[in-house]
Amino acid sequence: MIPGARVQAAIELLDAIIDAARSNGAPADRLIADYFRARRYAGSKDRRAVRELVYSAIRACGPVPENGRAAMLRLAQIDPAILPLFDGEGHGPAPIEPGETAAEGGIAPEWLTERLGKSDIWGEEAEALLGRAPLDLRVNTLKADRATLELPIAGEHLAAPQGLRLEAGTPVEQWDAYREGLVEIQDHGSQWACQALNAKPGETVIDLCAGAGGKTLALAAAMENQGKLLATDTDRGRLSRLRPRAEGAGAGIIESLLLNPGKELDMIRGWPVMAEDGGVDAVLVDAPCSGTGTWRRNPEARWRLDDRQLARYANVQSYLLELSAKLVKPGGRIVYITCSLLDEEGRGRVQSFMATHPGWAAGELDLPLGRIRSQGTRLTPFHDGTDGFFIASLSSPC
């Protein structure tokens, strides 16, 4: 593909991504994969170049662009080398019409930028949300150790006990160490979120919103494969991916339970360990959220949010905290996590919970990263080089 054809391909993909964002359709990475699956003539260099154009254009736009062409014209304002490619030649984009305008720049749609500002995310803090995320690994201590593990690329040692950092795009999935379960891809901040639970060997622990089980695997390693660890979720597709991952990681203590929405408490209480002991030592609540802390990886996600959706997330988050409080033993603990930097999904939810649960205590987290945010700790891309997280540790009365 000549440069102009690459730009036109990026415009077509941007059209599809913008439409999907407006209709809550497929994410950008899936649309890009489908696009090239139908165009196998495009070589690896072409695919990388088009993908880079697409994501650069998404990052360059604040509000949702009118269309892909407007988004690419916005990128051309930043990268002047793109502008001459609008010449209509060789499958390139048509020439620019008089009065044709580029999409608007910025961090996000105006209402969302204002909401971030109210949570003290502005200036360089906000700009860092649209940077490029590195690739972080966690060495699986059930099978290996960072000090002795040999990898094709050594990587930078991170503050997390088993954390490594590589350049984005490193083909880790092709490494034997990855296929054999010696390493897992996990953001540095996510590794510390798991550490915050302080799961110990022999304990009984629930990962309440386990998804595909990335944090569950980290908890199993922290527990040294001793104890009881239940991974639950309401998403069958995501939870089904945990079993082969657990087998590959050698995490034999993990059990999984698919939950029916609204019946979570009864179903979890039917778990044999709950019936025997009447409660668990700890619950990890990685709550569904807006994902504002993950825009480095999913920049188009900021086009999918609206005020009503944020309100729904807040309701779900409060519900999960209430549910968790009914699952822990006296003296047990909850670690509440969101990959959001909006206070209404972080400290606001914890403050609301604490106000209605006398006797509960918010513990100070012993983390080498982050800054205190009310009754929790917040990690940001700008200050910590991680995804954005809010983490709080809550202890039940004895």
Protein backbone atom coordinates (compact mmCIF):
# COMPACT_ATOMS: atom_id res chain seq x y z
CA MET A 1 0.00 0.00 0.00
CA ILE A 2 1.23 3.47 -0.84
CA PRO A 3 1.08 6.10 1.93
CA GLY A 4 -2.15 7.63 0.61
CA ALA A 5 -3.87 4.25 0.53
CA ARG A 6 -2.85 3.67 4.14
CA VAL A 7 -4.45 6.98 5.12
CA GLN A 8 -7.66 6.06 3.28
CA ALA A 9 -7.74 2.66 5.00
CA ALA A 10 -7.35 4.41 8.35
CA ILE A 11 -10.24 6.74 7.47
CA GLU A 12 -12.48 3.77 6.67
CA LEU A 13 -11.58 2.13 9.96
CA LEU A 14 -12.17 5.36 11.84
CA ASP A 15 -15.65 5.58 10.30
CA ALA A 16 -16.42 2.11 11.66
CA ILE A 17 -14.93 2.88 15.09
CA ILE A 18 -16.89 6.13 15.40
CA ASP A 19 -20.13 4.38 14.43
CA ALA A 20 -19.43 1.61 16.96
CA ALA A 21 -18.71 4.13 19.70
CA ARG A 22 -22.06 5.83 19.08
CA SER A 23 -23.97 2.55 19.06
CA ASN A 24 -21.98 0.67 21.73
CA GLY A 25 -20.67 -1.69 19.08
CA ALA A 26 -17.44 -3.65 18.81
CA PRO A 27 -14.21 -2.18 20.22
CA ALA A 28 -11.57 -0.68 17.95
CA ASP A 29 -9.08 -3.56 18.17
CA ARG A 30 -11.72 -6.06 17.02
CA LEU A 31 -12.82 -3.83 14.15
CA ILE A 32 -9.22 -3.44 13.02
CA ALA A 33 -8.64 -7.21 13.18
CA ASP A 34 -11.82 -7.87 11.17
CA TYR A 35 -10.87 -5.23 8.60
CA PHE A 36 -7.53 -6.84 7.81
CA ARG A 37 -8.90 -10.37 7.99
CA ALA A 38 -10.96 -9.42 4.94
CA ARG A 39 -7.91 -7.80 3.26
CA ARG A 40 -5.18 -10.40 3.47
CA TYR A 41 -3.26 -8.65 0.69
CA ALA A 42 -2.15 -6.04 3.22
CA GLY A 43 1.32 -6.86 4.54
CA SER A 44 2.46 -6.63 8.15
CA LYS A 45 4.07 -3.22 7.58
CA ASP A 46 0.85 -1.89 6.08
CA ARG A 47 -1.20 -3.23 8.99
CA ARG A 48 1.11 -1.66 11.55
CA ALA A 49 1.14 1.66 9.72
CA VAL A 50 -2.64 1.81 9.37
CA ARG A 51 -3.15 0.82 12.99
CA GLU A 52 -0.76 3.56 14.08
CA LEU A 53 -2.65 6.13 12.01
CA VAL A 54 -5.99 5.01 13.46
CA TYR A 55 -4.95 5.21 17.09
CA SER A 56 -3.03 8.44 16.59
CA ALA A 57 -6.15 10.01 15.09
CA ILE A 58 -8.32 8.76 17.95
CA ARG A 59 -5.92 10.25 20.49
CA ALA A 60 -5.82 13.53 18.59
CA CYS A 61 -9.59 14.04 18.85
CA GLY A 62 -11.44 15.11 21.99
CA PRO A 63 -15.19 14.88 21.30
CA VAL A 64 -16.52 12.18 18.98
CA PRO A 65 -15.58 13.23 15.41
CA GLU A 66 -18.24 13.62 12.77
CA ASN A 67 -16.52 10.95 10.67
CA GLY A 68 -13.18 9.29 10.01
CA ARG A 69 -12.09 11.88 7.47
CA ALA A 70 -12.54 14.70 10.01
CA ALA A 71 -10.54 12.68 12.52
CA MET A 72 -7.70 12.20 10.04
CA LEU A 73 -7.71 15.90 9.17
CA ARG A 74 -7.31 16.59 12.89
CA LEU A 75 -4.25 14.32 12.93
CA ALA A 76 -2.92 16.15 9.86
CA GLN A 77 -2.90 19.34 11.94
CA ILE A 78 -0.41 17.61 14.23
CA ASP A 79 1.50 15.71 11.54
CA PRO A 80 1.76 17.94 8.42
CA ALA A 81 3.20 15.04 6.38
CA ILE A 82 -0.31 13.59 6.15
CA LEU A 83 -1.89 16.62 4.48
CA PRO A 84 -0.31 16.17 0.97
CA LEU A 85 -1.66 12.60 0.88
CA PHE A 86 -5.20 13.96 0.44
CA ASP A 87 -4.73 13.99 -3.35
CA GLY A 88 -7.14 11.29 -4.56
CA GLU A 89 -4.41 9.30 -6.26
CA GLY A 90 -3.67 5.60 -5.92
CA HIS A 91 -6.61 4.80 -3.61
CA GLY A 92 -5.72 7.77 -1.44
CA PRO A 93 -8.27 10.13 0.18
CA ALA A 94 -10.01 12.70 -2.00
CA PRO A 95 -8.64 16.26 -2.05
CA ILE A 96 -9.77 18.56 0.74
CA GLU A 97 -12.83 20.59 -0.16
CA PRO A 98 -13.05 24.33 0.54
CA GLY A 99 -14.49 24.87 4.00
CA GLU A 100 -13.92 21.25 5.06
CA THR A 101 -13.05 21.18 8.76
CA ALA A 102 -11.09 18.91 11.01
CA ALA A 103 -12.43 17.29 14.15
CA GLU A 104 -11.96 19.06 17.46
CA GLY A 105 -8.97 18.24 19.64
CA GLY A 106 -8.87 17.86 23.41
CA ILE A 107 -8.76 15.23 26.11
CA ALA A 108 -12.36 14.02 25.87
CA PRO A 109 -15.89 15.33 25.24
CA GLU A 110 -16.32 18.59 27.15
CA TRP A 111 -18.66 17.23 29.82
CA LEU A 112 -16.22 14.42 30.60
CA THR A 113 -13.20 16.73 30.65
CA GLU A 114 -15.06 18.87 33.21
CA ARG A 115 -15.88 15.79 35.28
CA LEU A 116 -12.22 14.76 35.30
CA GLY A 117 -11.25 18.28 36.36
CA LYS A 118 -13.57 18.05 39.35
CA SER A 119 -11.63 14.92 40.33
CA ASP A 120 -8.33 16.87 40.04
CA ILE A 121 -7.38 15.28 36.72
CA TRP A 122 -6.37 18.17 34.49
CA GLY A 123 -3.33 19.59 32.71
CA GLU A 124 -0.47 17.09 32.47
CA GLU A 125 -2.45 14.56 34.49
CA ALA A 126 -5.18 14.58 31.85
CA GLU A 127 -2.81 14.63 28.89
CA ALA A 128 -1.02 11.53 30.19
CA LEU A 129 -4.28 9.58 29.90
CA LEU A 130 -3.80 9.60 26.12
CA GLY A 131 -0.15 8.54 26.09
CA ARG A 132 1.14 5.14 25.02
CA ALA A 133 1.11 2.37 27.59
CA PRO A 134 4.13 0.08 27.97
CA LEU A 135 3.79 -3.70 28.22
CA ASP A 136 4.07 -4.96 31.79
CA LEU A 137 4.51 -8.58 32.85
CA ARG A 138 4.07 -10.42 36.14
CA VAL A 139 6.28 -13.44 36.69
CA ASN A 140 4.17 -16.33 37.97
CA THR A 141 5.81 -17.47 41.22
CA LEU A 142 3.98 -20.79 41.07
CA LYS A 143 6.36 -21.67 38.25
CA ALA A 144 9.21 -19.17 38.13
CA ASP A 145 10.94 -16.24 39.81
CA ARG A 146 12.00 -12.91 38.37
CA ALA A 147 15.52 -13.26 39.76
CA THR A 148 16.28 -16.43 37.79
CA LEU A 149 13.87 -16.40 34.84
CA GLU A 150 15.53 -16.01 31.43
CA LEU A 151 13.43 -14.30 28.78
CA PRO A 152 14.17 -13.29 25.18
CA ILE A 153 14.14 -9.67 26.43
CA ALA A 154 15.09 -9.09 30.06
CA GLY A 155 12.84 -6.08 30.66
CA GLU A 156 12.99 -3.39 33.33
CA HIS A 157 12.48 -4.52 36.91
CA LEU A 158 9.48 -2.74 38.44
CA ALA A 159 8.64 -2.00 42.06
CA ALA A 160 6.15 -4.88 42.13
CA PRO A 161 7.98 -7.98 43.44
CA GLN A 162 7.61 -9.90 40.16
CA GLY A 163 6.96 -7.05 37.72
CA LEU A 164 8.79 -6.45 34.43
CA ARG A 165 8.31 -3.71 31.84
CA LEU A 166 8.84 -4.07 28.10
CA GLU A 167 8.21 -1.85 25.11
CA ALA A 168 4.66 -1.80 23.78
CA GLY A 169 4.25 -4.28 20.96
CA THR A 170 6.80 -6.80 22.26
CA PRO A 171 5.53 -10.18 20.95
CA VAL A 172 5.29 -11.79 24.38
CA GLU A 173 2.48 -14.14 23.29
CA GLN A 174 5.02 -15.90 21.03
CA TRP A 175 7.43 -16.63 23.88
CA ASP A 176 7.68 -20.10 25.38
CA ALA A 177 7.59 -18.53 28.85
CA TYR A 178 4.17 -17.04 28.10
CA ARG A 179 2.75 -20.20 26.56
CA GLU A 180 4.00 -22.23 29.52
CA GLY A 181 2.41 -19.91 32.09
CA LEU A 182 5.65 -18.53 33.51
CA VAL A 183 4.62 -14.92 32.83
CA GLU A 184 1.31 -13.08 32.54
CA ILE A 185 0.61 -9.73 30.93
CA GLN A 186 -0.56 -7.42 33.74
CA ASP A 187 -0.23 -3.67 34.20
CA HIS A 188 2.06 -2.61 37.04
CA GLY A 189 -0.79 -0.82 38.80
CA SER A 190 -2.98 -3.89 38.52
CA GLN A 191 -0.25 -5.95 40.16
CA TRP A 192 -0.25 -3.59 43.14
CA ALA A 193 -4.04 -3.68 43.30
CA CYS A 194 -3.76 -7.43 43.84
CA GLN A 195 -0.98 -6.96 46.39
CA ALA A 196 -3.30 -4.63 48.32
CA LEU A 197 -5.55 -7.55 49.25
CA ASN A 198 -2.60 -9.20 51.02
CA ALA A 199 -3.99 -12.66 50.29
CA LYS A 200 -2.19 -15.29 52.36
CA PRO A 201 -1.69 -19.05 51.99
CA GLY A 202 -4.55 -20.96 53.57
CA GLU A 203 -7.09 -18.14 53.38
CA THR A 204 -10.49 -18.23 51.72
CA VAL A 205 -10.75 -15.50 49.09
CA ILE A 206 -13.31 -14.40 46.48
CA ASP A 207 -12.47 -12.50 43.32
CA LEU A 208 -15.97 -11.11 42.83
CA CYS A 209 -15.65 -9.63 39.33
CA ALA A 210 -13.01 -11.97 37.98
CA GLY A 211 -13.60 -11.57 34.24
CA ALA A 212 -10.99 -13.66 32.43
CA GLY A 213 -9.06 -14.05 35.67
CA GLY A 214 -5.93 -11.91 35.38
CA LYS A 215 -6.15 -10.79 39.01
CA THR A 216 -7.35 -14.24 40.13
CA LEU A 217 -4.11 -15.76 38.86
CA ALA A 218 -2.10 -13.15 40.77
CA LEU A 219 -4.04 -13.97 43.95
CA ALA A 220 -3.39 -17.70 43.50
CA ALA A 221 0.33 -17.01 43.26
CA ALA A 222 0.23 -14.79 46.37
CA MET A 223 -1.55 -17.62 48.23
CA GLU A 224 1.13 -20.08 47.07
CA ASN A 225 -1.63 -22.38 45.80
CA GLN A 226 -2.84 -22.99 49.35
CA GLY A 227 -6.36 -22.21 50.51
CA LYS A 228 -9.63 -21.58 48.68
CA LEU A 229 -10.01 -19.09 45.85
CA LEU A 230 -13.33 -18.53 44.12
CA ALA A 231 -13.56 -16.53 40.88
CA THR A 232 -17.05 -15.26 40.04
CA ASP A 233 -18.57 -13.20 37.26
CA THR A 234 -21.86 -12.76 35.42
CA ASP A 235 -20.16 -12.88 31.98
CA ARG A 236 -19.97 -16.48 30.78
CA GLY A 237 -17.66 -15.72 27.87
CA ARG A 238 -15.03 -13.96 29.95
CA LEU A 239 -15.16 -16.37 32.87
CA SER A 240 -14.81 -19.38 30.53
CA ARG A 241 -11.33 -18.18 29.61
CA LEU A 242 -10.10 -18.58 33.18
CA ARG A 243 -9.93 -22.37 33.37
CA PRO A 244 -7.29 -22.88 30.62
CA ARG A 245 -5.32 -19.92 31.98
CA ALA A 246 -5.38 -21.37 35.50
CA GLU A 247 -4.28 -24.77 34.24
CA GLY A 248 -1.41 -23.20 32.30
CA ALA A 249 -0.36 -21.18 35.36
CA GLY A 250 -0.50 -24.20 37.67
CA ALA A 251 -3.10 -22.43 39.85
CA GLY A 252 -4.94 -25.47 41.18
CA ILE A 253 -6.81 -23.74 44.02
CA ILE A 254 -9.03 -21.69 41.72
CA GLU A 255 -12.72 -22.55 41.46
CA SER A 256 -15.10 -20.58 39.27
CA LEU A 257 -18.78 -19.76 39.60
CA LEU A 258 -20.97 -18.12 36.95
CA LEU A 259 -23.45 -15.84 38.71
CA ASN A 260 -26.98 -14.85 37.75
CA PRO A 261 -27.50 -11.09 38.16
CA GLY A 262 -29.59 -10.38 41.24
CA LYS A 263 -28.96 -13.83 42.71
CA GLU A 264 -25.27 -13.45 43.47
CA LEU A 265 -25.53 -13.65 47.25
CA ASP A 266 -27.56 -16.85 47.34
CA MET A 267 -25.34 -18.51 44.74
CA ILE A 268 -22.10 -17.63 46.51
CA ARG A 269 -23.52 -18.66 49.88
CA GLY A 270 -24.19 -22.04 48.29
CA TRP A 271 -20.47 -22.48 47.72
CA PRO A 272 -19.41 -25.28 50.13
CA VAL A 273 -16.76 -23.20 51.89
CA MET A 274 -19.30 -20.44 52.60
CA ALA A 275 -21.75 -23.00 53.97
CA GLU A 276 -19.05 -24.44 56.25
CA ASP A 277 -17.43 -21.25 57.54
CA GLY A 278 -20.15 -18.64 57.14
CA GLY A 279 -17.86 -16.14 55.49
CA VAL A 280 -14.54 -15.57 53.75
CA ASP A 281 -11.34 -13.87 54.76
CA ALA A 282 -11.20 -11.42 51.86
CA VAL A 283 -13.07 -10.23 48.79
CA LEU A 284 -11.49 -8.47 45.82
CA VAL A 285 -13.98 -6.16 44.07
CA ASP A 286 -12.58 -5.11 40.71
CA ALA A 287 -15.77 -3.24 39.92
CA PRO A 288 -17.11 -2.48 36.43
CA CYS A 289 -16.41 1.18 35.72
CA SER A 290 -15.92 3.85 33.08
CA GLY A 291 -12.32 2.80 32.46
CA THR A 292 -11.03 6.36 32.39
CA GLY A 293 -7.73 5.05 33.75
CA THR A 294 -7.22 2.77 30.74
CA TRP A 295 -7.51 5.27 27.89
CA ARG A 296 -3.85 4.75 27.00
CA ARG A 297 -4.90 1.28 25.82
CA ASN A 298 -8.47 2.03 24.72
CA PRO A 299 -8.60 5.70 23.70
CA GLU A 300 -11.93 5.39 21.89
CA ALA A 301 -13.57 4.34 25.19
CA ARG A 302 -13.98 8.01 26.11
CA TRP A 303 -16.41 8.36 23.20
CA ARG A 304 -18.67 5.64 24.60
CA LEU A 305 -19.50 7.26 27.94
CA ASP A 306 -22.45 9.42 28.93
CA ASP A 307 -23.80 10.68 32.21
CA ARG A 308 -26.47 7.99 32.47
CA GLN A 309 -23.90 5.23 31.98
CA LEU A 310 -21.73 6.69 34.72
CA ALA A 311 -24.73 6.69 37.04
CA ARG A 312 -25.36 3.01 36.21
CA TYR A 313 -21.74 2.17 36.99
CA ALA A 314 -22.01 3.95 40.35
CA ASN A 315 -25.11 1.92 41.23
CA VAL A 316 -23.40 -1.35 40.32
CA GLN A 317 -20.31 -0.39 42.33
CA SER A 318 -22.38 0.35 45.43
CA TYR A 319 -24.28 -2.92 44.96
CA LEU A 320 -21.03 -4.89 44.79
CA LEU A 321 -19.70 -3.28 47.95
CA GLU A 322 -22.94 -4.15 49.76
CA LEU A 323 -22.72 -7.71 48.47
CA SER A 324 -19.09 -8.06 49.54
CA ALA A 325 -19.89 -6.84 53.06
CA LYS A 326 -22.28 -9.79 53.41
CA LEU A 327 -19.64 -12.29 52.32
CA VAL A 328 -16.70 -11.57 54.64
CA LYS A 329 -16.20 -12.91 58.14
CA PRO A 330 -16.04 -10.56 61.13
CA GLY A 331 -12.63 -8.96 60.83
CA GLY A 332 -12.50 -9.81 57.12
CA ARG A 333 -11.52 -7.35 54.44
CA ILE A 334 -12.62 -5.98 51.10
CA VAL A 335 -10.28 -4.39 48.57
CA TYR A 336 -12.29 -2.19 46.23
CA ILE A 337 -10.73 -1.31 42.87
CA THR A 338 -11.80 0.70 39.87
CA CYS A 339 -9.69 1.53 36.84
CA SER A 340 -11.35 4.96 36.87
CA LEU A 341 -10.01 8.35 37.94
CA LEU A 342 -13.45 9.86 38.51
CA ASP A 343 -14.15 10.44 42.19
CA GLU A 344 -17.77 9.35 41.83
CA GLU A 345 -16.51 5.85 41.03
CA GLY A 346 -13.73 5.84 43.61
CA ARG A 347 -13.69 7.80 46.83
CA GLY A 348 -17.36 8.73 46.45
CA ARG A 349 -18.44 5.10 46.48
CA VAL A 350 -16.24 4.30 49.48
CA GLN A 351 -17.44 7.35 51.42
CA SER A 352 -21.03 6.35 50.76
CA PHE A 353 -20.35 2.78 51.92
CA MET A 354 -18.57 3.87 55.08
CA ALA A 355 -21.36 6.29 55.97
CA THR A 356 -23.90 3.45 56.01
CA HIS A 357 -21.72 0.74 57.57
CA PRO A 358 -20.73 1.70 61.11
CA GLY A 359 -17.80 -0.22 62.52
CA TRP A 360 -16.08 -0.69 59.20
CA ALA A 361 -12.61 0.83 58.87
CA ALA A 362 -10.61 2.04 55.88
CA GLY A 363 -7.01 0.90 56.19
CA GLU A 364 -3.99 2.77 54.87
CA LEU A 365 -2.40 0.91 51.96
CA ASP A 366 1.32 0.18 52.10
CA LEU A 367 2.05 0.80 48.42
CA PRO A 368 5.20 2.30 46.89
CA LEU A 369 3.09 4.02 44.23
CA GLY A 370 0.09 6.33 44.26
CA ARG A 371 -1.19 9.13 46.45
CA ILE A 372 -3.81 9.15 49.15
CA ARG A 373 -7.27 10.06 47.90
CA SER A 374 -9.63 10.31 50.87
CA GLN A 375 -10.05 6.75 52.18
CA GLY A 376 -8.11 5.14 49.36
CA THR A 377 -5.10 5.48 47.09
CA ARG A 378 -5.06 6.70 43.50
CA LEU A 379 -2.53 5.70 40.84
CA THR A 380 -2.25 7.70 37.61
CA PRO A 381 -0.32 7.37 34.36
CA PHE A 382 1.34 10.76 34.90
CA HIS A 383 2.61 10.22 38.44
CA ASP A 384 3.04 6.45 38.54
CA GLY A 385 3.49 5.27 34.95
CA THR A 386 0.62 2.81 35.41
CA ASP A 387 -2.98 2.63 34.31
CA GLY A 388 -5.23 4.80 36.47
CA PHE A 389 -6.63 3.08 39.56
CA PHE A 390 -8.47 3.86 42.76
CA ILE A 391 -7.80 1.27 45.48
CA ALA A 392 -9.33 1.12 48.97
CA SER A 393 -9.00 -1.51 51.71
CA LEU A 394 -12.01 -1.87 54.02
CA SER A 395 -12.12 -4.03 57.16
CA SER A 396 -15.30 -5.39 58.75
CA PRO A 397 -15.89 -5.06 62.48
CA CYS A 398 -14.81 -8.06 64.57
